Amino acid sequence: MCGDVNYCAKDMQRNRVAQDYEVNEQQVGSADLQALADDFTELIRDSEDPVQWHLLRPRFCKKCAAWKPPRAHHCRMTQRCVLKMDHWCVWVLNCVGLFNYKFFVLFLGYTDVACWISVILLLGPTLRQFRGTAGPLSTLLLAFTAFVFAAAFSLALLAFLIMHLRLIARNQTTIEAFEKAPVKPWPYDQGWRRNFLEVFGRQRQYWLLPLHPAADAEAMRRAYLEWTLPWPIDSGQLDDHAGLEMSQSY
C-alpha cells in the first residue's frame, strides 16, 4: 500500500507517435515532443469514433519529459507519472494506482468494519449513560462523542467504499469518472465480473488479503498492456515487466 508500485518506467517513452514521426526522444527537447504530439492529435481529432480517439491520442507529460500511456497521470506529490492513477491518498501518504488499488479498497473495508464494531460496542454504554444508570456527566460526554465520531466515520467510509466498488464494476478511476467529457461507451469496461477480477485477481482465497500473488500480478500487467497501449505486445516487454515499475508481493 505504501510501496512505489504504480510508476511509469522511463522505457515506456516508446510510443506509436514517436515511431510514426521517426523521432528519437533522446535527441529532441520536450517542447519538440509536445509539438509532435499536438500535430498528431490534430490528425486524428476528426475521427468519427470517440473510443479510437481516446485510445490512440498521444499523451505527453511535460513534467517528466516523456510519453505516458493511456490512463496514466502525473502526480504532483511524487513527481512521477502513475499508471491508472486514481488519486493521492492523504491517509496513507501514497498515490493510489494500478498495482495498489486493491489494497486501498481493502483498507477502506477494513477501516469501515472496525468503525462499525466501535459503534456497536459504544452503543450500550452510551444508552446507559443517557438513562443515568452509570457514571458521571464527563463519562457520558466521552462515550457520546466517541459514538458520534465512530458512526460518522462508519457512514462516510461506507459511502466511499460503495463509490469505489461501483468504479471497479465499470473499470473506471476517480479521475476518469469526473472527466468533463467522458467517452461513451467506455472502452475499458469488460463487464463487472472481469473488471472485478482485474483488480482483485482470480484466486478467491486472496481477495480479502492485501497482496497480489505472482500469477495475478503477471495477469494484471498483461491486461493493462492489452487494453491501453496502442502498439502490439511482444514477449520481451512482458519479460522486462513491460516497462512497469512495481514491487512484487506474494
Protein backbone atom coordinates (compact mmCIF):
# COMPACT_ATOMS: atom_id res chain seq x y z
CA MET A 1 0.00 0.00 0.00
CA CYS A 2 2.86 2.35 0.76
CA GLY A 3 5.35 0.99 -1.80
CA ASP A 4 6.32 2.52 -5.13
CA VAL A 5 4.20 0.19 -7.20
CA ASN A 6 2.46 2.35 -9.81
CA TYR A 7 5.04 4.43 -11.63
CA CYS A 8 5.73 4.65 -15.36
CA ALA A 9 9.25 3.45 -16.06
CA LYS A 10 11.42 5.53 -18.34
CA ASP A 11 11.41 2.89 -21.08
CA MET A 12 7.69 3.46 -21.54
CA GLN A 13 8.58 6.56 -23.54
CA ARG A 14 8.25 4.49 -26.73
CA ASN A 15 5.00 5.45 -28.41
CA ARG A 16 3.37 4.96 -31.76
CA VAL A 17 3.54 8.71 -32.32
CA ALA A 18 7.32 8.66 -31.97
CA GLN A 19 7.51 5.70 -34.34
CA ASP A 20 5.32 7.35 -36.97
CA TYR A 21 7.36 10.55 -36.87
CA GLU A 22 10.63 8.58 -36.69
CA VAL A 23 11.95 10.69 -33.84
CA ASN A 24 14.38 9.85 -31.10
CA GLU A 25 13.29 11.13 -27.69
CA GLN A 26 16.91 11.46 -26.62
CA GLN A 27 17.76 13.85 -29.48
CA VAL A 28 14.95 16.39 -29.20
CA GLY A 29 13.64 18.51 -26.38
CA SER A 30 10.39 18.12 -24.50
CA ALA A 31 8.90 21.12 -26.31
CA ASP A 32 9.52 19.44 -29.68
CA LEU A 33 7.95 16.20 -28.47
CA GLN A 34 4.92 18.12 -27.22
CA ALA A 35 4.61 19.79 -30.63
CA LEU A 36 4.72 16.39 -32.34
CA ALA A 37 2.02 15.11 -30.02
CA ASP A 38 -0.13 18.17 -30.77
CA ASP A 39 0.33 17.69 -34.53
CA PHE A 40 -0.64 14.03 -34.36
CA THR A 41 -3.62 14.92 -32.18
CA GLU A 42 -4.91 17.25 -34.88
CA LEU A 43 -4.64 14.44 -37.44
CA ILE A 44 -6.91 12.10 -35.50
CA ARG A 45 -9.15 14.67 -33.80
CA ASP A 46 -11.73 14.43 -36.60
CA SER A 47 -12.13 10.69 -36.09
CA GLU A 48 -15.77 9.64 -36.07
CA ASP A 49 -15.05 7.06 -33.38
CA PRO A 50 -14.55 8.73 -29.95
CA VAL A 51 -13.33 5.46 -28.50
CA GLN A 52 -10.49 5.22 -31.02
CA TRP A 53 -9.72 8.87 -30.37
CA HIS A 54 -9.38 8.15 -26.67
CA LEU A 55 -7.17 5.10 -27.22
CA LEU A 56 -4.90 6.49 -29.94
CA ARG A 57 -4.41 10.12 -28.96
CA PRO A 58 -0.81 10.75 -27.92
CA ARG A 59 -0.18 11.81 -24.35
CA PHE A 60 3.00 13.58 -23.33
CA CYS A 61 3.99 14.60 -19.79
CA LYS A 62 5.80 17.92 -19.73
CA LYS A 63 6.95 17.40 -16.13
CA CYS A 64 8.57 14.01 -16.81
CA ALA A 65 9.51 14.94 -20.40
CA ALA A 66 8.29 11.54 -21.53
CA TRP A 67 5.41 9.87 -23.32
CA LYS A 68 2.86 8.35 -20.99
CA PRO A 69 0.45 5.50 -21.71
CA PRO A 70 -3.34 5.90 -21.61
CA ARG A 71 -4.89 6.16 -18.13
CA ALA A 72 -1.59 7.37 -16.65
CA HIS A 73 -1.43 10.79 -14.96
CA HIS A 74 1.30 12.88 -13.40
CA CYS A 75 1.22 13.04 -9.60
CA ARG A 76 2.45 16.37 -8.30
CA MET A 77 3.20 14.88 -4.89
CA THR A 78 5.57 12.15 -6.11
CA GLN A 79 6.63 13.98 -9.29
CA ARG A 80 6.12 10.80 -11.31
CA CYS A 81 3.57 9.56 -13.82
CA VAL A 82 1.34 6.96 -12.19
CA LEU A 83 -0.22 4.07 -14.09
CA LYS A 84 -4.03 4.08 -13.97
CA MET A 85 -3.88 6.81 -11.36
CA ASP A 86 -6.93 7.11 -9.11
CA HIS A 87 -5.95 9.78 -6.58
CA TRP A 88 -3.41 10.84 -3.99
CA CYS A 89 -4.44 9.50 -0.57
CA VAL A 90 -3.50 11.67 2.41
CA TRP A 91 -4.30 8.85 4.84
CA VAL A 92 -1.59 6.52 3.51
CA LEU A 93 0.67 9.23 2.01
CA ASN A 94 0.85 7.48 -1.33
CA CYS A 95 -0.64 7.66 -4.78
CA VAL A 96 -3.33 5.07 -5.49
CA GLY A 97 -2.95 3.49 -8.90
CA LEU A 98 -2.78 0.27 -10.87
CA PHE A 99 -0.96 -2.08 -8.52
CA ASN A 100 -2.14 -0.86 -5.11
CA TYR A 101 -5.78 -0.02 -5.88
CA LYS A 102 -6.91 -3.34 -4.42
CA PHE A 103 -5.01 -2.58 -1.23
CA PHE A 104 -6.69 0.81 -0.96
CA VAL A 105 -10.17 -0.68 -1.36
CA LEU A 106 -9.35 -3.30 1.28
CA PHE A 107 -8.08 -0.50 3.53
CA LEU A 108 -11.48 1.18 3.23
CA GLY A 109 -13.24 -2.09 4.01
CA TYR A 110 -11.05 -2.97 7.00
CA THR A 111 -11.41 0.53 8.47
CA ASP A 112 -15.16 0.62 7.93
CA VAL A 113 -15.61 -2.75 9.66
CA ALA A 114 -13.51 -1.51 12.60
CA CYS A 115 -15.65 1.64 12.87
CA TRP A 116 -18.90 -0.35 12.83
CA ILE A 117 -17.53 -2.61 15.57
CA SER A 118 -16.78 0.54 17.59
CA VAL A 119 -20.33 1.79 17.03
CA ILE A 120 -21.78 -1.49 18.31
CA LEU A 121 -19.50 -1.55 21.35
CA LEU A 122 -20.24 2.09 22.22
CA LEU A 123 -24.00 1.89 21.72
CA GLY A 124 -24.72 0.11 25.00
CA PRO A 125 -22.60 2.37 27.26
CA THR A 126 -23.98 5.48 25.54
CA LEU A 127 -27.59 4.43 26.13
CA ARG A 128 -26.86 3.58 29.77
CA GLN A 129 -25.27 6.98 30.26
CA PHE A 130 -28.31 8.76 28.84
CA ARG A 131 -30.55 6.79 31.16
CA GLY A 132 -28.42 7.91 34.08
CA THR A 133 -27.66 4.38 35.20
CA ALA A 134 -23.86 4.58 35.05
CA GLY A 135 -21.07 7.10 35.57
CA PRO A 136 -20.79 10.88 35.85
CA LEU A 137 -21.52 13.51 33.19
CA SER A 138 -17.94 13.51 31.91
CA THR A 139 -18.22 9.82 31.12
CA LEU A 140 -21.49 10.48 29.28
CA LEU A 141 -19.88 13.17 27.13
CA LEU A 142 -16.88 10.98 26.36
CA ALA A 143 -18.99 7.96 25.38
CA PHE A 144 -21.40 10.04 23.31
CA THR A 145 -18.60 11.87 21.48
CA ALA A 146 -16.83 8.61 20.66
CA PHE A 147 -20.12 7.10 19.45
CA VAL A 148 -20.88 10.06 17.18
CA PHE A 149 -17.40 10.05 15.63
CA ALA A 150 -17.46 6.29 15.10
CA ALA A 151 -20.90 6.45 13.48
CA ALA A 152 -19.91 9.37 11.24
CA PHE A 153 -16.73 7.65 10.06
CA SER A 154 -18.63 4.41 9.51
CA LEU A 155 -21.16 6.05 7.21
CA ALA A 156 -18.56 8.12 5.37
CA LEU A 157 -16.28 5.13 4.78
CA LEU A 158 -19.24 3.00 3.67
CA ALA A 159 -20.24 5.62 1.09
CA PHE A 160 -16.63 5.89 -0.10
CA LEU A 161 -16.34 2.10 -0.33
CA ILE A 162 -19.57 1.81 -2.34
CA MET A 163 -18.34 4.53 -4.71
CA HIS A 164 -15.09 2.67 -5.40
CA LEU A 165 -16.86 -0.66 -5.84
CA ARG A 166 -19.05 0.99 -8.47
CA LEU A 167 -15.94 2.36 -10.16
CA ILE A 168 -14.42 -1.13 -10.15
CA ALA A 169 -17.60 -2.52 -11.73
CA ARG A 170 -17.20 -0.01 -14.60
CA ASN A 171 -13.38 -0.23 -14.73
CA GLN A 172 -13.01 3.48 -14.09
CA THR A 173 -10.78 5.55 -11.86
CA THR A 174 -11.89 8.54 -9.81
CA ILE A 175 -10.15 10.85 -12.28
CA GLU A 176 -11.90 9.24 -15.25
CA ALA A 177 -15.29 9.25 -13.53
CA PHE A 178 -15.18 13.03 -13.09
CA GLU A 179 -13.91 13.93 -16.56
CA LYS A 180 -15.83 16.77 -18.17
CA ALA A 181 -16.44 14.84 -21.40
CA PRO A 182 -16.36 11.09 -20.64
CA VAL A 183 -16.01 8.64 -23.52
CA LYS A 184 -19.13 6.59 -24.30
CA PRO A 185 -19.12 3.65 -24.48
CA TRP A 186 -16.26 3.33 -22.01
CA PRO A 187 -13.56 1.36 -23.90
CA TYR A 188 -12.10 -0.40 -20.83
CA ASP A 189 -15.37 -1.82 -19.49
CA GLN A 190 -15.21 -5.61 -19.84
CA GLY A 191 -18.28 -6.37 -17.73
CA TRP A 192 -18.43 -6.11 -13.95
CA ARG A 193 -17.13 -9.63 -13.34
CA ARG A 194 -13.96 -9.29 -15.44
CA ASN A 195 -13.46 -5.75 -14.15
CA PHE A 196 -13.54 -7.06 -10.58
CA LEU A 197 -11.09 -9.87 -11.36
CA GLU A 198 -8.73 -7.39 -12.98
CA VAL A 199 -8.39 -5.59 -9.64
CA PHE A 200 -8.72 -8.41 -7.10
CA GLY A 201 -7.29 -11.31 -9.11
CA ARG A 202 -8.70 -14.73 -9.93
CA GLN A 203 -7.70 -16.55 -6.74
CA ARG A 204 -10.57 -16.10 -4.33
CA GLN A 205 -8.56 -17.02 -1.26
CA TYR A 206 -6.56 -13.81 -1.74
CA TRP A 207 -9.43 -11.41 -2.37
CA LEU A 208 -9.55 -10.16 1.23
CA LEU A 209 -5.77 -10.20 1.73
CA PRO A 210 -3.55 -7.18 0.95
CA LEU A 211 -1.29 -8.92 -1.55
CA HIS A 212 -1.02 -9.87 -5.21
CA PRO A 213 0.06 -13.45 -5.98
CA ALA A 214 2.69 -13.65 -8.69
CA ALA A 215 0.24 -15.08 -11.25
CA ASP A 216 -2.28 -12.30 -10.66
CA ALA A 217 0.42 -9.63 -10.86
CA GLU A 218 1.54 -11.01 -14.22
CA ALA A 219 -2.08 -11.11 -15.46
CA MET A 220 -2.56 -7.53 -14.30
CA ARG A 221 0.49 -6.35 -16.24
CA ARG A 222 -0.68 -8.15 -19.38
CA ALA A 223 -4.25 -6.83 -19.07
CA TYR A 224 -3.00 -3.28 -18.66
CA LEU A 225 -0.83 -3.53 -21.77
CA GLU A 226 -3.51 -5.18 -23.90
CA TRP A 227 -6.16 -2.63 -23.01
CA THR A 228 -4.14 0.58 -23.03
CA LEU A 229 -1.00 0.51 -25.16
CA PRO A 230 -1.54 1.26 -28.86
CA TRP A 231 1.30 -0.96 -30.08
CA PRO A 232 1.45 -4.79 -30.18
CA ILE A 233 2.78 -6.62 -27.13
CA ASP A 234 5.81 -8.83 -27.51
CA SER A 235 7.23 -11.33 -25.07
CA GLY A 236 10.23 -9.13 -24.38
CA GLN A 237 8.02 -6.42 -22.93
CA LEU A 238 6.44 -8.85 -20.50
CA ASP A 239 9.80 -10.35 -19.57
CA ASP A 240 11.05 -6.87 -18.75
CA HIS A 241 7.94 -6.17 -16.67
CA ALA A 242 6.57 -4.31 -19.69
CA GLY A 243 8.17 -1.10 -18.57
CA LEU A 244 6.10 -1.02 -15.39
CA GLU A 245 7.86 -0.35 -12.11
CA MET A 246 6.27 -2.34 -9.33
CA SER A 247 7.14 -4.09 -6.11
CA GLN A 248 6.49 -7.82 -6.16
CA SER A 249 4.27 -9.13 -3.38
CA TYR A 250 3.21 -12.67 -2.65
